[in-house]
C-alpha atoms as a PDB file:
ATOM      1  CA  UNK A   1     -86.459  99.653  74.761  1.00  0.00           C
ATOM      2  CA  UNK A   2     -86.091 103.464  75.049  1.00  0.00           C
ATOM      3  CA  UNK A   3     -85.560 105.373  71.834  1.00  0.00           C
ATOM      4  CA  UNK A   4     -82.051 106.450  72.906  1.00  0.00           C
ATOM      5  CA  UNK A   5     -80.886 102.885  73.426  1.00  0.00           C
ATOM      6  CA  UNK A   6     -82.317 101.848  70.056  1.00  0.00           C
ATOM      7  CA  UNK A   7     -80.532 104.763  68.380  1.00  0.00           C
ATOM      8  CA  UNK A   8     -77.257 103.877  70.113  1.00  0.00           C
ATOM      9  CA  UNK A   9     -77.649 100.216  69.084  1.00  0.00           C
ATOM     10  CA  UNK A  10     -78.349 101.263  65.487  1.00  0.00           C
ATOM     11  CA  UNK A  11     -75.314 103.526  65.436  1.00  0.00           C
ATOM     12  CA  UNK A  12     -73.035 100.899  67.005  1.00  0.00           C
ATOM     13  CA  UNK A  13     -74.261  98.276  64.543  1.00  0.00           C
ATOM     14  CA  UNK A  14     -73.631 100.584  61.579  1.00  0.00           C
ATOM     15  CA  UNK A  15     -70.106 101.367  62.837  1.00  0.00           C
ATOM     16  CA  UNK A  16     -69.375  97.660  63.322  1.00  0.00           C
ATOM     17  CA  UNK A  17     -70.533  96.818  59.801  1.00  0.00           C
ATOM     18  CA  UNK A  18     -68.529  99.671  58.274  1.00  0.00           C
ATOM     19  CA  UNK A  19     -65.394  98.797  60.239  1.00  0.00           C
ATOM     20  CA  UNK A  20     -65.571  95.122  59.299  1.00  0.00           C
ATOM     21  CA  UNK A  21     -66.175  95.831  55.612  1.00  0.00           C
ATOM     22  CA  UNK A  22     -63.361  98.405  55.597  1.00  0.00           C
ATOM     23  CA  UNK A  23     -60.746  96.256  57.342  1.00  0.00           C
ATOM     24  CA  UNK A  24     -61.822  92.701  56.462  1.00  0.00           C
ATOM     25  CA  UNK A  25     -64.043  92.995  53.398  1.00  0.00           C
ATOM     26  CA  UNK A  26     -61.076  92.774  51.032  1.00  0.00           C
ATOM     27  CA  UNK A  27     -58.243  90.953  52.881  1.00  0.00           C
ATOM     28  CA  UNK A  28     -55.789  91.499  50.025  1.00  0.00           C
ATOM     29  CA  UNK A  29     -56.397  95.248  49.999  1.00  0.00           C
ATOM     30  CA  UNK A  30     -54.934  96.249  53.371  1.00  0.00           C
ATOM     31  CA  UNK A  31     -51.275  95.390  52.583  1.00  0.00           C
ATOM     32  CA  UNK A  32     -51.517  97.381  49.337  1.00  0.00           C
ATOM     33  CA  UNK A  33     -53.185 100.269  51.154  1.00  0.00           C
ATOM     34  CA  UNK A  34     -50.460 100.231  53.820  1.00  0.00           C
ATOM     35  CA  UNK A  35     -47.756 100.274  51.161  1.00  0.00           C
ATOM     36  CA  UNK A  36     -49.419 103.296  49.554  1.00  0.00           C
ATOM     37  CA  UNK A  37     -49.820 105.112  52.894  1.00  0.00           C
ATOM     38  CA  UNK A  38     -46.198 104.669  53.970  1.00  0.00           C
ATOM     39  CA  UNK A  39     -45.137 105.512  50.433  1.00  0.00           C
ATOM     40  CA  UNK A  40     -46.407 109.068  51.017  1.00  0.00           C
ATOM     41  CA  UNK A  41     -44.023 109.432  53.971  1.00  0.00           C
ATOM     42  CA  UNK A  42     -41.132 108.115  51.854  1.00  0.00           C
ATOM     43  CA  UNK A  43     -41.867 110.467  48.940  1.00  0.00           C
ATOM     44  CA  UNK A  44     -43.118 107.586  46.793  1.00  0.00           C
ATOM     45  CA  UNK A  45     -46.927 107.916  46.638  1.00  0.00           C
ATOM     46  CA  UNK A  46     -49.156 106.383  43.991  1.00  0.00           C
ATOM     47  CA  UNK A  47     -49.450 109.786  42.339  1.00  0.00           C
ATOM     48  CA  UNK A  48     -47.746 113.165  42.733  1.00  0.00           C
ATOM     49  CA  UNK A  49     -51.147 114.571  43.808  1.00  0.00           C
ATOM     50  CA  UNK A  50     -51.039 112.398  46.954  1.00  0.00           C
ATOM     51  CA  UNK A  51     -47.717 113.764  48.214  1.00  0.00           C
ATOM     52  CA  UNK A  52     -49.154 116.610  50.285  1.00  0.00           C
ATOM     53  CA  UNK A  53     -51.594 114.313  52.123  1.00  0.00           C
ATOM     54  CA  UNK A  54     -49.382 113.824  55.149  1.00  0.00           C
ATOM     55  CA  UNK A  55     -51.640 113.929  58.219  1.00  0.00           C
ATOM     56  CA  UNK A  56     -53.219 110.482  57.803  1.00  0.00           C
ATOM     57  CA  UNK A  57     -49.950 108.643  57.067  1.00  0.00           C
ATOM     58  CA  UNK A  58     -48.263 110.410  60.001  1.00  0.00           C
ATOM     59  CA  UNK A  59     -51.087 109.347  62.337  1.00  0.00           C
ATOM     60  CA  UNK A  60     -50.736 105.768  61.081  1.00  0.00           C
ATOM     61  CA  UNK A  61     -46.981 105.947  61.719  1.00  0.00           C
ATOM     62  CA  UNK A  62     -47.714 107.303  65.210  1.00  0.00           C
ATOM     63  CA  UNK A  63     -49.991 104.355  65.971  1.00  0.00           C
ATOM     64  CA  UNK A  64     -47.297 102.026  64.702  1.00  0.00           C
ATOM     65  CA  UNK A  65     -44.767 103.492  67.141  1.00  0.00           C
ATOM     66  CA  UNK A  66     -47.124 103.698  70.138  1.00  0.00           C
ATOM     67  CA  UNK A  67     -48.788 100.298  69.723  1.00  0.00           C
ATOM     68  CA  UNK A  68     -45.800  98.436  68.304  1.00  0.00           C
ATOM     69  CA  UNK A  69     -47.744  97.180  65.271  1.00  0.00           C
ATOM     70  CA  UNK A  70     -46.584  96.393  61.768  1.00  0.00           C
ATOM     71  CA  UNK A  71     -47.671  98.449  58.749  1.00  0.00           C
ATOM     72  CA  UNK A  72     -50.882  96.492  58.168  1.00  0.00           C
ATOM     73  CA  UNK A  73     -51.819  96.374  61.852  1.00  0.00           C
ATOM     74  CA  UNK A  74     -51.285 100.110  62.355  1.00  0.00           C
ATOM     75  CA  UNK A  75     -53.384 100.977  59.293  1.00  0.00           C
ATOM     76  CA  UNK A  76     -56.149  98.627  60.466  1.00  0.00           C
ATOM     77  CA  UNK A  77     -56.124 100.270  63.912  1.00  0.00           C
ATOM     78  CA  UNK A  78     -56.242 103.694  62.274  1.00  0.00           C
ATOM     79  CA  UNK A  79     -59.260 102.786  60.164  1.00  0.00           C
ATOM     80  CA  UNK A  80     -61.214 101.544  63.195  1.00  0.00           C
ATOM     81  CA  UNK A  81     -60.371 104.719  65.119  1.00  0.00           C
ATOM     82  CA  UNK A  82     -61.214 106.841  62.062  1.00  0.00           C
ATOM     83  CA  UNK A  83     -64.659 105.230  61.710  1.00  0.00           C
ATOM     84  CA  UNK A  84     -65.367 105.901  65.393  1.00  0.00           C
ATOM     85  CA  UNK A  85     -64.005 109.475  65.203  1.00  0.00           C
ATOM     86  CA  UNK A  86     -65.990 110.279  62.040  1.00  0.00           C
ATOM     87  CA  UNK A  87     -69.180 108.849  63.565  1.00  0.00           C
ATOM     88  CA  UNK A  88     -68.604 110.903  66.720  1.00  0.00           C
ATOM     89  CA  UNK A  89     -68.027 114.046  64.633  1.00  0.00           C
ATOM     90  CA  UNK A  90     -71.276 113.488  62.702  1.00  0.00           C
ATOM     91  CA  UNK A  91     -73.182 112.852  65.927  1.00  0.00           C
ATOM     92  CA  UNK A  92     -71.817 116.023  67.538  1.00  0.00           C
ATOM     93  CA  UNK A  93     -72.603 118.057  64.398  1.00  0.00           C
ATOM     94  CA  UNK A  94     -76.263 117.043  64.339  1.00  0.00           C
ATOM     95  CA  UNK A  95     -76.588 117.169  68.137  1.00  0.00           C
ATOM     96  CA  UNK A  96     -75.342 120.771  68.046  1.00  0.00           C
ATOM     97  CA  UNK A  97     -77.748 121.666  65.244  1.00  0.00           C
ATOM     98  CA  UNK A  98     -80.869 119.856  66.432  1.00  0.00           C
ATOM     99  CA  UNK A  99     -80.356 119.366  70.165  1.00  0.00           C
ATOM    100  CA  UNK A 100     -81.896 115.911  69.664  1.00  0.00           C
ATOM    101  CA  UNK A 101     -79.912 112.861  70.716  1.00  0.00           C
ATOM    102  CA  UNK A 102     -81.918 110.304  68.736  1.00  0.00           C
ATOM    103  CA  UNK A 103     -81.951 112.342  65.503  1.00  0.00           C
ATOM    104  CA  UNK A 104     -78.186 112.889  65.781  1.00  0.00           C
ATOM    105  CA  UNK A 105     -77.536 109.184  66.368  1.00  0.00           C
ATOM    106  CA  UNK A 106     -79.717 108.202  63.395  1.00  0.00           C
ATOM    107  CA  UNK A 107     -77.856 110.676  61.155  1.00  0.00           C
ATOM    108  CA  UNK A 108     -74.521 109.277  62.358  1.00  0.00           C
ATOM    109  CA  UNK A 109     -75.704 105.726  61.616  1.00  0.00           C
ATOM    110  CA  UNK A 110     -76.928 106.861  58.194  1.00  0.00           C
ATOM    111  CA  UNK A 111     -73.531 108.360  57.349  1.00  0.00           C
ATOM    112  CA  UNK A 112     -71.843 105.140  58.458  1.00  0.00           C
ATOM    113  CA  UNK A 113     -74.061 102.900  56.336  1.00  0.00           C
ATOM    114  CA  UNK A 114     -73.821 105.172  53.283  1.00  0.00           C
ATOM    115  CA  UNK A 115     -70.038 105.322  53.653  1.00  0.00           C
ATOM    116  CA  UNK A 116     -69.979 101.521  53.653  1.00  0.00           C
ATOM    117  CA  UNK A 117     -71.550 101.683  50.184  1.00  0.00           C
ATOM    118  CA  UNK A 118     -68.619 103.868  49.076  1.00  0.00           C
ATOM    119  CA  UNK A 119     -65.883 101.459  50.177  1.00  0.00           C
ATOM    120  CA  UNK A 120     -63.713  99.848  47.520  1.00  0.00           C
ATOM    121  CA  UNK A 121     -60.303  98.202  47.179  1.00  0.00           C
ATOM    122  CA  UNK A 122     -58.467 101.502  47.477  1.00  0.00           C
ATOM    123  CA  UNK A 123     -59.350 103.541  50.568  1.00  0.00           C
ATOM    124  CA  UNK A 124     -56.877 105.969  52.121  1.00  0.00           C
ATOM    125  CA  UNK A 125     -56.636 107.625  55.567  1.00  0.00           C
ATOM    126  CA  UNK A 126     -57.225 111.068  54.071  1.00  0.00           C
ATOM    127  CA  UNK A 127     -60.624 109.938  52.771  1.00  0.00           C
ATOM    128  CA  UNK A 128     -61.865 109.429  56.332  1.00  0.00           C
ATOM    129  CA  UNK A 129     -60.153 112.494  57.768  1.00  0.00           C
ATOM    130  CA  UNK A 130     -61.841 114.538  55.031  1.00  0.00           C
ATOM    131  CA  UNK A 131     -65.241 113.499  56.411  1.00  0.00           C
ATOM    132  CA  UNK A 132     -64.264 114.797  59.864  1.00  0.00           C
ATOM    133  CA  UNK A 133     -63.073 118.124  58.451  1.00  0.00           C
ATOM    134  CA  UNK A 134     -66.262 118.461  56.373  1.00  0.00           C
ATOM    135  CA  UNK A 135     -68.257 118.060  59.601  1.00  0.00           C
ATOM    136  CA  UNK A 136     -66.221 120.896  61.095  1.00  0.00           C
ATOM    137  CA  UNK A 137     -66.851 123.074  58.026  1.00  0.00           C
ATOM    138  CA  UNK A 138     -70.597 122.383  58.166  1.00  0.00           C
ATOM    139  CA  UNK A 139     -70.726 123.283  61.849  1.00  0.00           C
ATOM    140  CA  UNK A 140     -68.859 126.514  61.184  1.00  0.00           C
ATOM    141  CA  UNK A 141     -71.146 127.396  58.268  1.00  0.00           C
ATOM    142  CA  UNK A 142     -74.306 126.601  60.230  1.00  0.00           C
ATOM    143  CA  UNK A 143     -73.395 128.091  63.600  1.00  0.00           C
ATOM    144  CA  UNK A 144     -70.536 130.456  62.844  1.00  0.00           C
ATOM    145  CA  UNK A 145     -66.906 130.115  63.958  1.00  0.00           C
ATOM    146  CA  UNK A 146     -64.509 132.750  65.214  1.00  0.00           C
ATOM    147  CA  UNK A 147     -61.299 133.360  63.263  1.00  0.00           C
ATOM    148  CA  UNK A 148     -59.007 131.125  65.410  1.00  0.00           C
ATOM    149  CA  UNK A 149     -61.288 128.133  64.785  1.00  0.00           C
ATOM    150  CA  UNK A 150     -61.347 128.742  61.009  1.00  0.00           C
ATOM    151  CA  UNK A 151     -57.563 129.112  60.885  1.00  0.00           C
ATOM    152  CA  UNK A 152     -56.999 125.926  62.904  1.00  0.00           C
ATOM    153  CA  UNK A 153     -59.378 124.009  60.642  1.00  0.00           C
ATOM    154  CA  UNK A 154     -57.614 125.269  57.497  1.00  0.00           C
ATOM    155  CA  UNK A 155     -54.141 124.468  58.868  1.00  0.00           C
ATOM    156  CA  UNK A 156     -55.027 120.919  59.935  1.00  0.00           C
ATOM    157  CA  UNK A 157     -57.131 120.338  56.857  1.00  0.00           C
ATOM    158  CA  UNK A 158     -54.339 121.353  54.470  1.00  0.00           C
ATOM    159  CA  UNK A 159     -52.033 118.878  56.216  1.00  0.00           C
ATOM    160  CA  UNK A 160     -54.559 116.205  55.325  1.00  0.00           C
ATOM    161  CA  UNK A 161     -55.706 117.051  51.803  1.00  0.00           C
ATOM    162  CA  UNK A 162     -56.360 119.940  49.448  1.00  0.00           C
ATOM    163  CA  UNK A 163     -60.089 119.534  50.190  1.00  0.00           C
ATOM    164  CA  UNK A 164     -59.376 122.038  52.966  1.00  0.00           C
ATOM    165  CA  UNK A 165     -59.223 124.736  50.273  1.00  0.00           C
ATOM    166  CA  UNK A 166     -63.015 124.585  50.321  1.00  0.00           C
ATOM    167  CA  UNK A 167     -62.906 126.372  53.677  1.00  0.00           C
ATOM    168  CA  UNK A 168     -61.323 129.627  52.458  1.00  0.00           C
ATOM    169  CA  UNK A 169     -63.617 129.285  49.437  1.00  0.00           C
ATOM    170  CA  UNK A 170     -66.510 129.467  51.903  1.00  0.00           C
ATOM    171  CA  UNK A 171     -65.116 132.707  53.340  1.00  0.00           C
ATOM    172  CA  UNK A 172     -65.045 134.168  49.817  1.00  0.00           C
ATOM    173  CA  UNK A 173     -68.634 133.054  49.156  1.00  0.00           C
ATOM    174  CA  UNK A 174     -69.780 134.274  52.578  1.00  0.00           C
ATOM    175  CA  UNK A 175     -68.329 137.701  51.800  1.00  0.00           C
ATOM    176  CA  UNK A 176     -70.893 138.153  49.022  1.00  0.00           C
ATOM    177  CA  UNK A 177     -73.249 141.013  49.813  1.00  0.00           C
ATOM    178  CA  UNK A 178     -76.439 140.183  51.704  1.00  0.00           C
ATOM    179  CA  UNK A 179     -78.000 143.342  50.283  1.00  0.00           C
ATOM    180  CA  UNK A 180     -75.583 146.025  49.174  1.00  0.00           C
ATOM    181  CA  UNK A 181     -72.562 145.492  51.454  1.00  0.00           C
ATOM    182  CA  UNK A 182     -69.546 143.394  50.530  1.00  0.00           C
ATOM    183  CA  UNK A 183     -67.627 142.008  53.510  1.00  0.00           C
ATOM    184  CA  UNK A 184     -64.165 143.110  52.405  1.00  0.00           C
ATOM    185  CA  UNK A 185     -62.524 141.598  55.474  1.00  0.00           C
ATOM    186  CA  UNK A 186     -63.876 138.113  54.805  1.00  0.00           C
ATOM    187  CA  UNK A 187     -63.203 138.406  51.077  1.00  0.00           C
ATOM    188  CA  UNK A 188     -59.582 139.408  51.723  1.00  0.00           C
ATOM    189  CA  UNK A 189     -59.032 136.716  54.353  1.00  0.00           C
ATOM    190  CA  UNK A 190     -60.592 134.017  52.188  1.00  0.00           C
ATOM    191  CA  UNK A 191     -58.621 135.039  49.093  1.00  0.00           C
ATOM    192  CA  UNK A 192     -55.317 135.172  50.992  1.00  0.00           C
ATOM    193  CA  UNK A 193     -55.930 131.809  52.670  1.00  0.00           C
ATOM    194  CA  UNK A 194     -56.951 130.278  49.347  1.00  0.00           C
ATOM    195  CA  UNK A 195     -53.806 131.514  47.589  1.00  0.00           C
ATOM    196  CA  UNK A 196     -51.598 130.541  50.537  1.00  0.00           C
ATOM    197  CA  UNK A 197     -53.200 127.096  50.721  1.00  0.00           C
ATOM    198  CA  UNK A 198     -52.621 126.432  47.009  1.00  0.00           C
ATOM    199  CA  UNK A 199     -49.001 127.563  47.372  1.00  0.00           C
ATOM    200  CA  UNK A 200     -48.426 125.232  50.355  1.00  0.00           C
ATOM    201  CA  UNK A 201     -49.949 122.257  48.518  1.00  0.00           C
ATOM    202  CA  UNK A 202     -47.773 122.863  45.452  1.00  0.00           C
ATOM    203  CA  UNK A 203     -44.671 123.388  47.593  1.00  0.00           C
ATOM    204  CA  UNK A 204     -45.180 120.128  49.499  1.00  0.00           C
ATOM    205  CA  UNK A 205     -45.638 118.206  46.258  1.00  0.00           C
ATOM    206  CA  UNK A 206     -42.564 119.657  44.609  1.00  0.00           C
ATOM    207  CA  UNK A 207     -40.352 119.380  47.706  1.00  0.00           C
ATOM    208  CA  UNK A 208     -41.258 115.923  49.048  1.00  0.00           C
ATOM    209  CA  UNK A 209     -42.063 113.950  45.899  1.00  0.00           C
ATOM    210  CA  UNK A 210     -39.311 111.532  44.822  1.00  0.00           C
ATOM    211  CA  UNK A 211     -41.028 109.177  42.409  1.00  0.00           C
ATOM    212  CA  UNK A 212     -44.197 107.156  42.057  1.00  0.00           C
ATOM    213  CA  UNK A 213     -44.627 103.990  44.101  1.00  0.00           C
ATOM    214  CA  UNK A 214     -44.527 101.938  40.924  1.00  0.00           C
ATOM    215  CA  UNK A 215     -41.325 103.430  39.538  1.00  0.00           C
ATOM    216  CA  UNK A 216     -41.595 101.360  36.376  1.00  0.00           C
ATOM    217  CA  UNK A 217     -44.615 103.372  35.182  1.00  0.00           C
ATOM    218  CA  UNK A 218     -43.831 107.040  34.531  1.00  0.00           C
ATOM    219  CA  UNK A 219     -41.814 107.379  37.770  1.00  0.00           C
ATOM    220  CA  UNK A 220     -41.929 111.195  37.842  1.00  0.00           C
ATOM    221  CA  UNK A 221     -45.660 111.329  36.996  1.00  0.00           C
ATOM    222  CA  UNK A 222     -44.833 113.582  34.058  1.00  0.00           C
ATOM    223  CA  UNK A 223     -48.425 113.540  32.879  1.00  0.00           C
ATOM    224  CA  UNK A 224     -49.416 115.710  35.843  1.00  0.00           C
ATOM    225  CA  UNK A 225     -46.522 118.116  36.323  1.00  0.00           C
ATOM    226  CA  UNK A 226     -48.590 121.307  36.086  1.00  0.00           C
ATOM    227  CA  UNK A 227     -50.968 121.003  39.053  1.00  0.00           C
ATOM    228  CA  UNK A 228     -50.514 117.264  39.881  1.00  0.00           C
ATOM    229  CA  UNK A 229     -54.264 116.763  40.312  1.00  0.00           C
ATOM    230  CA  UNK A 230     -55.940 114.767  37.580  1.00  0.00           C
ATOM    231  CA  UNK A 231     -58.531 116.750  35.604  1.00  0.00           C
ATOM    232  CA  UNK A 232     -61.370 114.267  35.168  1.00  0.00           C
ATOM    233  CA  UNK A 233     -64.576 116.225  34.513  1.00  0.00           C
ATOM    234  CA  UNK A 234     -64.784 115.656  30.750  1.00  0.00           C
ATOM    235  CA  UNK A 235     -63.719 112.024  31.060  1.00  0.00           C
ATOM    236  CA  UNK A 236     -66.253 111.453  33.831  1.00  0.00           C
ATOM    237  CA  UNK A 237     -69.052 112.872  31.675  1.00  0.00           C
ATOM    238  CA  UNK A 238     -68.116 110.677  28.704  1.00  0.00           C
ATOM    239  CA  UNK A 239     -67.720 107.614  30.895  1.00  0.00           C
ATOM    240  CA  UNK A 240     -71.095 108.150  32.565  1.00  0.00           C
ATOM    241  CA  UNK A 241     -72.904 108.436  29.219  1.00  0.00           C
ATOM    242  CA  UNK A 242     -71.077 105.472  27.701  1.00  0.00           C
ATOM    243  CA  UNK A 243     -71.678 103.229  30.721  1.00  0.00           C
ATOM    244  CA  UNK A 244     -75.236 104.352  31.463  1.00  0.00           C
ATOM    245  CA  UNK A 245     -76.558 100.862  30.715  1.00  0.00           C
ATOM    246  CA  UNK A 246     -74.277  99.379  33.382  1.00  0.00           C
ATOM    247  CA  UNK A 247     -75.250 101.836  36.111  1.00  0.00           C
ATOM    248  CA  UNK A 248     -75.196 100.044  39.459  1.00  0.00           C
ATOM    249  CA  UNK A 249     -73.582  96.886  38.084  1.00  0.00           C
ATOM    250  CA  UNK A 250     -70.282  95.847  39.633  1.00  0.00           C
ATOM    251  CA  UNK A 251     -67.960  98.072  41.703  1.00  0.00           C
ATOM    252  CA  UNK A 252     -67.503 100.697  38.971  1.00  0.00           C
ATOM    253  CA  UNK A 253     -71.216 100.768  38.119  1.00  0.00           C
ATOM    254  CA  UNK A 254     -72.014 101.220  41.810  1.00  0.00           C
ATOM    255  CA  UNK A 255     -69.508 104.082  41.983  1.00  0.00           C
ATOM    256  CA  UNK A 256     -71.156 105.827  39.028  1.00  0.00           C
ATOM    257  CA  UNK A 257     -74.584 105.343  40.621  1.00  0.00           C
ATOM    258  CA  UNK A 258     -73.322 107.025  43.811  1.00  0.00           C
ATOM    259  CA  UNK A 259     -71.977 109.918  41.708  1.00  0.00           C
ATOM    260  CA  UNK A 260     -75.360 110.202  39.985  1.00  0.00           C
ATOM    261  CA  UNK A 261     -77.089 110.325  43.387  1.00  0.00           C
ATOM    262  CA  UNK A 262     -74.862 113.208  44.473  1.00  0.00           C
ATOM    263  CA  UNK A 263     -75.575 115.119  41.255  1.00  0.00           C
ATOM    264  CA  UNK A 264     -79.346 114.513  41.444  1.00  0.00           C
ATOM    265  CA  UNK A 265     -79.345 115.385  45.151  1.00  0.00           C
ATOM    266  CA  UNK A 266     -77.573 118.658  44.418  1.00  0.00           C
ATOM    267  CA  UNK A 267     -80.121 119.467  41.703  1.00  0.00           C
ATOM    268  CA  UNK A 268     -83.023 118.777  44.093  1.00  0.00           C
ATOM    269  CA  UNK A 269     -81.415 121.005  46.713  1.00  0.00           C
ATOM    270  CA  UNK A 270     -81.128 123.806  44.155  1.00  0.00           C
ATOM    271  CA  UNK A 271     -84.846 123.447  43.346  1.00  0.00           C
ATOM    272  CA  UNK A 272     -85.650 123.891  47.049  1.00  0.00           C
ATOM    273  CA  UNK A 273     -83.309 126.866  47.451  1.00  0.00           C
ATOM    274  CA  UNK A 274     -86.207 129.349  47.509  1.00  0.00           C
ATOM    275  CA  UNK A 275     -86.967 128.305  51.094  1.00  0.00           C
ATOM    276  CA  UNK A 276     -83.409 129.018  52.231  1.00  0.00           C
ATOM    277  CA  UNK A 277     -82.135 132.188  53.852  1.00  0.00           C
ATOM    278  CA  UNK A 278     -79.387 134.239  52.211  1.00  0.00           C
ATOM    279  CA  UNK A 279     -76.905 132.305  54.361  1.00  0.00           C
ATOM    280  CA  UNK A 280     -78.519 129.039  53.326  1.00  0.00           C
ATOM    281  CA  UNK A 281     -78.174 129.898  49.640  1.00  0.00           C
ATOM    282  CA  UNK A 282     -74.504 130.687  50.175  1.00  0.00           C
ATOM    283  CA  UNK A 283     -74.073 127.343  51.952  1.00  0.00           C
ATOM    284  CA  UNK A 284     -75.793 125.587  49.049  1.00  0.00           C
ATOM    285  CA  UNK A 285     -73.508 127.335  46.540  1.00  0.00           C
ATOM    286  CA  UNK A 286     -70.507 126.199  48.593  1.00  0.00           C
ATOM    287  CA  UNK A 287     -71.863 122.635  48.612  1.00  0.00           C
ATOM    288  CA  UNK A 288     -72.333 122.771  44.840  1.00  0.00           C
ATOM    289  CA  UNK A 289     -68.673 123.809  44.494  1.00  0.00           C
ATOM    290  CA  UNK A 290     -67.662 120.906  46.742  1.00  0.00           C
ATOM    291  CA  UNK A 291     -69.516 118.354  44.602  1.00  0.00           C
ATOM    292  CA  UNK A 292     -68.150 119.962  41.420  1.00  0.00           C
ATOM    293  CA  UNK A 293     -64.595 119.708  42.793  1.00  0.00           C
ATOM    294  CA  UNK A 294     -65.033 115.965  43.334  1.00  0.00           C
ATOM    295  CA  UNK A 295     -66.347 115.497  39.793  1.00  0.00           C
ATOM    296  CA  UNK A 296     -63.498 117.630  38.418  1.00  0.00           C
ATOM    297  CA  UNK A 297     -60.579 115.956  40.191  1.00  0.00           C
ATOM    298  CA  UNK A 298     -61.880 112.474  41.040  1.00  0.00           C
ATOM    299  CA  UNK A 299     -62.684 109.451  38.876  1.00  0.00           C
ATOM    300  CA  UNK A 300     -66.375 108.552  39.217  1.00  0.00           C
ATOM    301  CA  UNK A 301     -65.451 104.900  38.718  1.00  0.00           C
ATOM    302  CA  UNK A 302     -64.014 105.032  42.277  1.00  0.00           C
ATOM    303  CA  UNK A 303     -66.705 105.226  44.945  1.00  0.00           C
ATOM    304  CA  UNK A 304     -64.215 106.209  47.643  1.00  0.00           C
ATOM    305  CA  UNK A 305     -63.987 109.775  46.286  1.00  0.00           C
ATOM    306  CA  UNK A 306     -67.338 110.482  47.999  1.00  0.00           C
ATOM    307  CA  UNK A 307     -66.392 109.199  51.475  1.00  0.00           C
ATOM    308  CA  UNK A 308     -65.478 112.656  52.717  1.00  0.00           C
ATOM    309  CA  UNK A 309     -68.738 114.164  51.469  1.00  0.00           C
ATOM    310  CA  UNK A 310     -71.274 111.650  52.770  1.00  0.00           C
ATOM    311  CA  UNK A 311     -71.808 113.896  55.861  1.00  0.00           C
ATOM    312  CA  UNK A 312     -72.569 116.765  53.443  1.00  0.00           C
ATOM    313  CA  UNK A 313     -75.266 114.698  51.696  1.00  0.00           C
ATOM    314  CA  UNK A 314     -76.894 113.632  54.977  1.00  0.00           C
ATOM    315  CA  UNK A 315     -76.655 117.217  56.276  1.00  0.00           C
ATOM    316  CA  UNK A 316     -78.683 118.625  53.381  1.00  0.00           C
ATOM    317  CA  UNK A 317     -81.125 115.717  53.443  1.00  0.00           C
ATOM    318  CA  UNK A 318     -81.799 116.396  57.125  1.00  0.00           C
ATOM    319  CA  UNK A 319     -81.985 120.179  56.751  1.00  0.00           C
ATOM    320  CA  UNK A 320     -84.108 120.241  53.590  1.00  0.00           C
ATOM    321  CA  UNK A 321     -86.545 117.672  54.997  1.00  0.00           C
ATOM    322  CA  UNK A 322     -86.982 119.888  58.054  1.00  0.00           C
ATOM    323  CA  UNK A 323     -85.845 117.120  60.406  1.00  0.00           C
ATOM    324  CA  UNK A 324     -82.847 119.077  61.643  1.00  0.00           C
ATOM    325  CA  UNK A 325     -83.433 122.779  62.313  1.00  0.00           C
ATOM    326  CA  UNK A 326     -80.808 125.175  60.976  1.00  0.00           C
ATOM    327  CA  UNK A 327     -82.086 128.653  61.761  1.00  0.00           C
ATOM    328  CA  UNK A 328     -79.309 130.437  59.874  1.00  0.00           C
ATOM    329  CA  UNK A 329     -79.999 128.444  56.711  1.00  0.00           C
ATOM    330  CA  UNK A 330     -83.781 127.932  56.488  1.00  0.00           C
ATOM    331  CA  UNK A 331     -86.454 130.620  56.494  1.00  0.00           C
ATOM    332  CA  UNK A 332     -89.167 130.354  59.107  1.00  0.00           C
ATOM    333  CA  UNK A 333     -92.770 131.516  59.056  1.00  0.00           C
ATOM    334  CA  UNK A 334     -94.112 133.911  61.665  1.00  0.00           C
ATOM    335  CA  UNK A 335     -95.405 131.010  63.763  1.00  0.00           C
ATOM    336  CA  UNK A 336     -91.870 129.547  63.844  1.00  0.00           C
ATOM    337  CA  UNK A 337     -92.530 126.747  61.376  1.00  0.00           C
ATOM    338  CA  UNK A 338     -89.860 125.949  58.833  1.00  0.00           C
ATOM    339  CA  UNK A 339     -90.958 126.658  55.260  1.00  0.00           C
ATOM    340  CA  UNK A 340     -89.267 123.457  54.190  1.00  0.00           C
ATOM    341  CA  UNK A 341     -90.929 121.392  56.892  1.00  0.00           C
ATOM    342  CA  UNK A 342     -94.321 122.791  55.951  1.00  0.00           C
ATOM    343  CA  UNK A 343     -93.595 122.084  52.306  1.00  0.00           C
ATOM    344  CA  UNK A 344     -92.987 118.425  53.153  1.00  0.00           C
ATOM    345  CA  UNK A 345     -96.307 118.226  54.961  1.00  0.00           C
ATOM    346  CA  UNK A 346     -94.817 118.245  58.455  1.00  0.00           C
ATOM    347  CA  UNK A 347     -95.859 120.225  61.473  1.00  0.00           C
ATOM    348  CA  UNK A 348     -93.929 123.218  62.697  1.00  0.00           C
END
């Protein structure tokens, strides 16, 4: 069988497994997930921090209207479409970077299988949409986007989740001098978009939030009135140390193991940073900030917090192993060979 057909079969199989685990792996979960999703549209999310995450719930509502499904059926349809859309986005990202069909399909299958490991009882539409937006960010960082594309990505991303604030953060990081010149235009644009994005997120939360879904438990979410997001970094560190002996055991142990893999992977990437270009080092700094944001605002006992960043992990694994060329990020020798690829014993 030709390599392309094998790669397509692998990718299709990975998508099928992920979709089945997501929609059928925990039959009791989908009704609760649907209740939480439609709660966002009614102003009654699980937490105040979820109130601005409107894009996914609105897409689910759209499917409900178009297909005539109930809440559970529309959410199930959304998840299947989201898995396919995310896989397509990953494939297109790596196809654009490498120009290799088989490599792109294998990366897409890898993201799908790794995402399956991150699935738990609670999974929300914005988790999957995040992965698609991260693919867009990585493409823009690696290949360069014009201003209209960046603005469209920020606008859509903010409608999904505050993760989109990482995009103007990239513009701020990218404005850092590559020598002695500071790109004032990028710095100004990134800073303005960052401030505007934060203001929009806060405004949506304050305007649309009515009360928590479970109104019997702190209905106004008074414990998170300041910024709404839960600050978890210190708790995550304590929890990881205290539960180190249970790493990988049970759903929460598996979630902590995944978090540990992201942290170790980031550390390894930093050790290999010498082989990166100035642009590559900026991209690595941005990726470090992304991982830090997850550890700061997400509970490491929930594996789903990493769903949106699985493409980021596979991206750096492919780039740092030299399997996917990224000319703007990795230095090359005079003969055209990647320093990273040579360091791993490969041929240029």
